[in-house]
Amino acid sequence: MVICLRRGSFTAETDGIMSRKLKLASAIAVAVTMVFTISGAAASGAFAQEQGVQIRQETVVTPPEAGAAGIRFVSQEVVQPLPTESAVEDSSDIPSDADSLEELVAAMPSPGDMSKDMACLAGAIYFEARGEPLIGQLAVGNVIVNRAESGRFPASYCGVVYQPSQFSFIRGGRMPSINKTSSAWREAAAIARIAHEGLWESPAEDALFFHASYVKPGWNLKRVARVSRHVFYR
């Protein structure tokens, strides 16, 4: 009986030690899980910030009678727009005393480096109206400027030009290559800046749509003007 009691006592003591070890191991496992969870949340927050979204912690304080438990933290998404390239160009070198559109175009500085948006505007003028009189090129460029400012179309020149099913020269989401040593490109680039800066009035000033004069689309729109080989509407 004595031997049995000692064995029973030893077994009970061993079970107690094992129980404490299991509890300690469980606590450590929980702590490790929390560390990895917090690390994962931080990583996803950094990823969200790279995509234009930041996670902000907002402190909410309830009335004093609620006690210490009245302070809590709420995760809230704050959407921040990604930076976009501005279409604004330096206008300090643009002449302001030209007597004709031809004179203004001739006095415009060389295109040089252009922002992405200005290149889209000039490219559209180049492909839609090169070879036309300058006033016809300006009318086409003015439509793209009007669309970007209208709130009814994408808010950038590139967005307008690359909007699906709007300009036939855009194929597969790409603009064809341009001979940037040609006089046609220089004219298109000059007209783009004139349209962007509003330096010369277009006969189709408020137009948002146009088509070639040899087609009859049957649009239910108000006709604004015919300029060279295009008819303009709003």
Protein backbone atom coordinates (compact mmCIF):
# COMPACT_ATOMS: atom_id res chain seq x y z
CA MET A 1 0.00 0.00 0.00
CA VAL A 2 2.83 2.43 0.81
CA ILE A 3 4.49 1.76 -2.52
CA CYS A 4 1.18 2.29 -4.32
CA LEU A 5 0.61 5.61 -2.52
CA ARG A 6 4.05 6.90 -3.43
CA ARG A 7 3.59 5.87 -7.03
CA GLY A 8 0.20 7.59 -7.11
CA SER A 9 1.69 10.73 -5.57
CA PHE A 10 4.57 10.71 -8.07
CA THR A 11 2.11 10.29 -10.97
CA ALA A 12 -0.04 13.18 -9.77
CA GLU A 13 3.01 15.43 -9.39
CA THR A 14 4.23 14.48 -12.89
CA ASP A 15 0.80 15.23 -14.35
CA GLY A 16 0.88 18.68 -12.71
CA ILE A 17 4.28 19.49 -14.21
CA MET A 18 3.17 18.33 -17.65
CA SER A 19 0.00 20.40 -17.40
CA ARG A 20 2.01 23.55 -16.55
CA LYS A 21 4.37 22.86 -19.47
CA LEU A 22 1.44 22.44 -21.86
CA LYS A 23 -0.07 25.73 -20.68
CA LEU A 24 3.28 27.50 -21.13
CA ALA A 25 3.70 26.04 -24.63
CA SER A 26 0.14 27.10 -25.51
CA ALA A 27 0.82 30.67 -24.31
CA ILE A 28 4.01 30.83 -26.38
CA ALA A 29 2.15 29.58 -29.46
CA VAL A 30 -0.53 32.26 -29.01
CA ALA A 31 2.13 34.96 -28.66
CA VAL A 32 3.94 33.79 -31.82
CA THR A 33 0.65 33.74 -33.74
CA MET A 34 -0.08 37.33 -32.66
CA VAL A 35 3.37 38.47 -33.80
CA PHE A 36 2.90 36.94 -37.26
CA THR A 37 -0.62 38.35 -37.52
CA ILE A 38 0.59 41.88 -36.72
CA SER A 39 3.49 41.51 -39.15
CA GLY A 40 1.10 40.33 -41.88
CA ALA A 41 -1.23 43.28 -41.29
CA ALA A 42 1.67 45.73 -41.56
CA ALA A 43 2.80 44.15 -44.81
CA SER A 44 -0.69 44.33 -46.32
CA GLY A 45 -0.94 47.95 -45.23
CA ALA A 46 2.32 48.78 -47.03
CA PHE A 47 1.04 46.99 -50.13
CA ALA A 48 -2.24 48.89 -49.96
CA GLN A 49 -0.35 52.16 -49.70
CA GLU A 50 1.61 51.32 -52.86
CA GLN A 51 -1.71 50.82 -54.62
CA GLY A 52 -2.95 54.25 -53.56
CA VAL A 53 -4.73 53.26 -50.33
CA GLN A 54 -3.47 53.92 -46.82
CA ILE A 55 -4.80 52.42 -43.60
CA ARG A 56 -5.42 54.96 -40.86
CA GLN A 57 -6.13 54.34 -37.18
CA GLU A 58 -8.84 56.54 -35.75
CA THR A 59 -9.22 56.99 -31.99
CA VAL A 60 -12.83 57.02 -30.79
CA VAL A 61 -13.41 58.33 -27.24
CA THR A 62 -16.74 57.70 -25.53
CA PRO A 63 -18.07 59.73 -22.57
CA PRO A 64 -16.15 59.46 -19.25
CA GLU A 65 -18.82 57.34 -17.60
CA ALA A 66 -17.95 54.53 -19.97
CA GLY A 67 -14.57 54.13 -18.23
CA ALA A 68 -11.28 52.99 -19.73
CA ALA A 69 -13.09 50.58 -22.01
CA GLY A 70 -14.58 53.57 -23.80
CA ILE A 71 -11.41 54.11 -25.88
CA ARG A 72 -11.11 51.87 -28.89
CA PHE A 73 -9.23 51.87 -32.18
CA VAL A 74 -10.98 51.50 -35.50
CA SER A 75 -9.16 50.65 -38.72
CA GLN A 76 -10.48 52.78 -41.56
CA GLU A 77 -9.43 52.85 -45.22
CA VAL A 78 -8.50 56.24 -46.60
CA VAL A 79 -8.34 56.33 -50.37
CA GLN A 80 -5.65 58.63 -51.77
CA PRO A 81 -5.49 59.19 -55.51
CA LEU A 82 -2.32 58.09 -57.20
CA PRO A 83 -0.23 60.95 -58.56
CA THR A 84 -0.91 61.74 -62.21
CA GLU A 85 1.26 63.52 -64.73
CA SER A 86 0.11 67.08 -65.29
CA ALA A 87 -0.61 68.26 -68.80
CA VAL A 88 0.52 71.78 -67.91
CA GLU A 89 3.48 73.09 -69.91
CA ASP A 90 5.71 76.09 -69.28
CA SER A 91 3.99 78.96 -71.11
CA SER A 92 6.67 81.62 -70.55
CA ASP A 93 8.06 81.11 -74.06
CA ILE A 94 4.74 81.30 -75.94
CA PRO A 95 4.25 84.48 -78.01
CA SER A 96 1.11 86.50 -77.31
CA ASP A 97 1.05 89.11 -80.08
CA ALA A 98 0.63 87.07 -83.27
CA ASP A 99 -1.69 88.50 -85.94
CA SER A 100 -2.72 85.14 -87.37
CA LEU A 101 -2.80 81.49 -86.38
CA GLU A 102 -0.12 80.77 -88.99
CA GLU A 103 2.12 83.41 -87.44
CA LEU A 104 1.50 82.03 -83.95
CA VAL A 105 2.35 78.48 -85.03
CA ALA A 106 5.53 79.66 -86.75
CA ALA A 107 6.60 81.52 -83.60
CA MET A 108 5.99 78.55 -81.27
CA PRO A 109 9.13 76.97 -79.77
CA SER A 110 10.35 73.55 -80.88
CA PRO A 111 8.32 70.70 -79.30
CA GLY A 112 11.29 69.21 -77.42
CA ASP A 113 10.31 67.01 -74.48
CA MET A 114 6.56 66.86 -73.91
CA SER A 115 4.49 65.56 -71.04
CA LYS A 116 2.57 62.36 -71.73
CA ASP A 117 -0.74 64.20 -71.95
CA MET A 118 0.54 66.84 -74.35
CA ALA A 119 2.04 64.10 -76.53
CA CYS A 120 -1.37 62.39 -76.62
CA LEU A 121 -3.07 65.64 -77.64
CA ALA A 122 -0.49 66.39 -80.34
CA GLY A 123 -0.62 62.79 -81.58
CA ALA A 124 -4.40 62.94 -82.00
CA ILE A 125 -4.11 66.19 -83.98
CA TYR A 126 -1.36 64.64 -86.10
CA PHE A 127 -3.34 61.53 -87.03
CA GLU A 128 -6.77 63.13 -87.34
CA ALA A 129 -5.94 66.38 -89.12
CA ARG A 130 -2.37 66.58 -90.42
CA GLY A 131 -2.32 68.13 -93.86
CA GLU A 132 -5.44 70.19 -93.08
CA PRO A 133 -5.34 73.96 -92.61
CA LEU A 134 -4.12 74.98 -89.15
CA ILE A 135 -7.59 76.15 -88.15
CA GLY A 136 -8.90 72.63 -88.88
CA GLN A 137 -6.16 71.10 -86.74
CA LEU A 138 -7.01 73.50 -83.95
CA ALA A 139 -10.68 72.53 -84.09
CA VAL A 140 -9.76 68.85 -83.68
CA GLY A 141 -7.41 69.60 -80.79
CA ASN A 142 -10.06 71.74 -79.16
CA VAL A 143 -12.49 68.81 -79.09
CA ILE A 144 -10.01 66.77 -77.02
CA VAL A 145 -9.42 69.67 -74.64
CA ASN A 146 -13.18 70.19 -74.28
CA ARG A 147 -13.76 66.52 -73.55
CA ALA A 148 -11.10 66.42 -70.85
CA GLU A 149 -12.70 69.44 -69.16
CA SER A 150 -16.34 68.40 -69.62
CA GLY A 151 -16.78 65.84 -66.84
CA ARG A 152 -18.45 63.53 -69.38
CA PHE A 153 -15.21 61.99 -70.62
CA PRO A 154 -11.90 60.99 -69.01
CA ALA A 155 -10.24 63.96 -67.30
CA SER A 156 -6.90 63.76 -69.12
CA TYR A 157 -5.91 64.11 -72.76
CA CYS A 158 -4.52 60.57 -72.86
CA GLY A 159 -7.69 59.27 -71.24
CA VAL A 160 -9.77 60.96 -73.93
CA VAL A 161 -7.57 59.80 -76.81
CA TYR A 162 -7.31 56.20 -75.61
CA GLN A 163 -10.96 55.84 -74.62
CA PRO A 164 -12.19 52.72 -76.46
CA SER A 165 -14.00 53.16 -79.77
CA GLN A 166 -13.46 56.91 -80.01
CA PHE A 167 -10.52 57.46 -82.38
CA SER A 168 -9.94 55.08 -85.26
CA PHE A 169 -6.17 55.58 -85.36
CA ILE A 170 -5.88 53.92 -81.92
CA ARG A 171 -5.58 50.21 -82.64
CA GLY A 172 -5.10 47.57 -80.00
CA GLY A 173 -4.77 50.31 -77.39
CA ARG A 174 -1.71 51.77 -79.11
CA MET A 175 -0.92 54.91 -81.08
CA PRO A 176 1.05 54.37 -84.31
CA SER A 177 4.58 55.69 -84.53
CA ILE A 178 5.07 59.33 -85.51
CA ASN A 179 7.75 60.89 -87.67
CA LYS A 180 8.83 63.53 -85.18
CA THR A 181 11.26 65.14 -87.59
CA SER A 182 8.45 66.12 -89.96
CA SER A 183 6.88 69.56 -90.34
CA ALA A 184 3.49 67.92 -89.78
CA TRP A 185 4.54 66.87 -86.28
CA ARG A 186 5.91 70.31 -85.48
CA GLU A 187 2.60 71.87 -86.54
CA ALA A 188 0.59 69.33 -84.52
CA ALA A 189 2.72 69.93 -81.42
CA ALA A 190 2.36 73.72 -81.80
CA ILE A 191 -1.41 73.45 -82.27
CA ALA A 192 -1.62 71.19 -79.21
CA ARG A 193 -0.03 73.87 -77.02
CA ILE A 194 -2.21 76.58 -78.55
CA ALA A 195 -5.36 74.53 -77.87
CA HIS A 196 -4.21 73.64 -74.36
CA GLU A 197 -3.39 77.23 -73.46
CA GLY A 198 -6.45 78.66 -75.25
CA LEU A 199 -4.27 81.05 -77.26
CA TRP A 200 -6.46 81.14 -80.37
CA GLU A 201 -10.21 80.88 -80.76
CA SER A 202 -11.53 77.89 -82.65
CA PRO A 203 -14.61 78.12 -84.92
CA ALA A 204 -15.81 74.93 -83.17
CA GLU A 205 -15.13 76.29 -79.70
CA ASP A 206 -17.67 74.22 -77.73
CA ALA A 207 -17.58 71.05 -79.81
CA LEU A 208 -17.31 67.62 -78.18
CA PHE A 209 -17.71 65.44 -81.29
CA PHE A 210 -16.62 65.48 -84.92
CA HIS A 211 -16.59 63.28 -87.97
CA ALA A 212 -15.16 63.43 -91.47
CA SER A 213 -17.35 65.39 -93.86
CA TYR A 214 -17.71 62.44 -96.25
CA VAL A 215 -19.60 60.26 -93.73
CA LYS A 216 -23.19 60.61 -92.50
CA PRO A 217 -23.46 59.11 -88.97
CA GLY A 218 -26.95 60.50 -88.30
CA TRP A 219 -26.06 61.82 -84.84
CA ASN A 220 -28.84 63.50 -82.86
CA LEU A 221 -26.52 66.31 -81.79
CA LYS A 222 -26.32 70.06 -82.31
CA ARG A 223 -24.06 70.92 -85.22
CA VAL A 224 -21.53 73.61 -84.34
CA ALA A 225 -19.47 74.11 -87.50
CA ARG A 226 -17.79 72.57 -90.48
CA VAL A 227 -14.06 73.25 -90.55
CA SER A 228 -12.03 71.94 -93.47
CA ARG A 229 -12.76 68.20 -93.78
CA HIS A 230 -14.57 67.74 -90.45
CA VAL A 231 -18.02 68.51 -89.07
CA PHE A 232 -18.26 69.38 -85.37
CA TYR A 233 -21.07 68.90 -82.83
CA ARG A 234 -21.84 69.34 -79.17
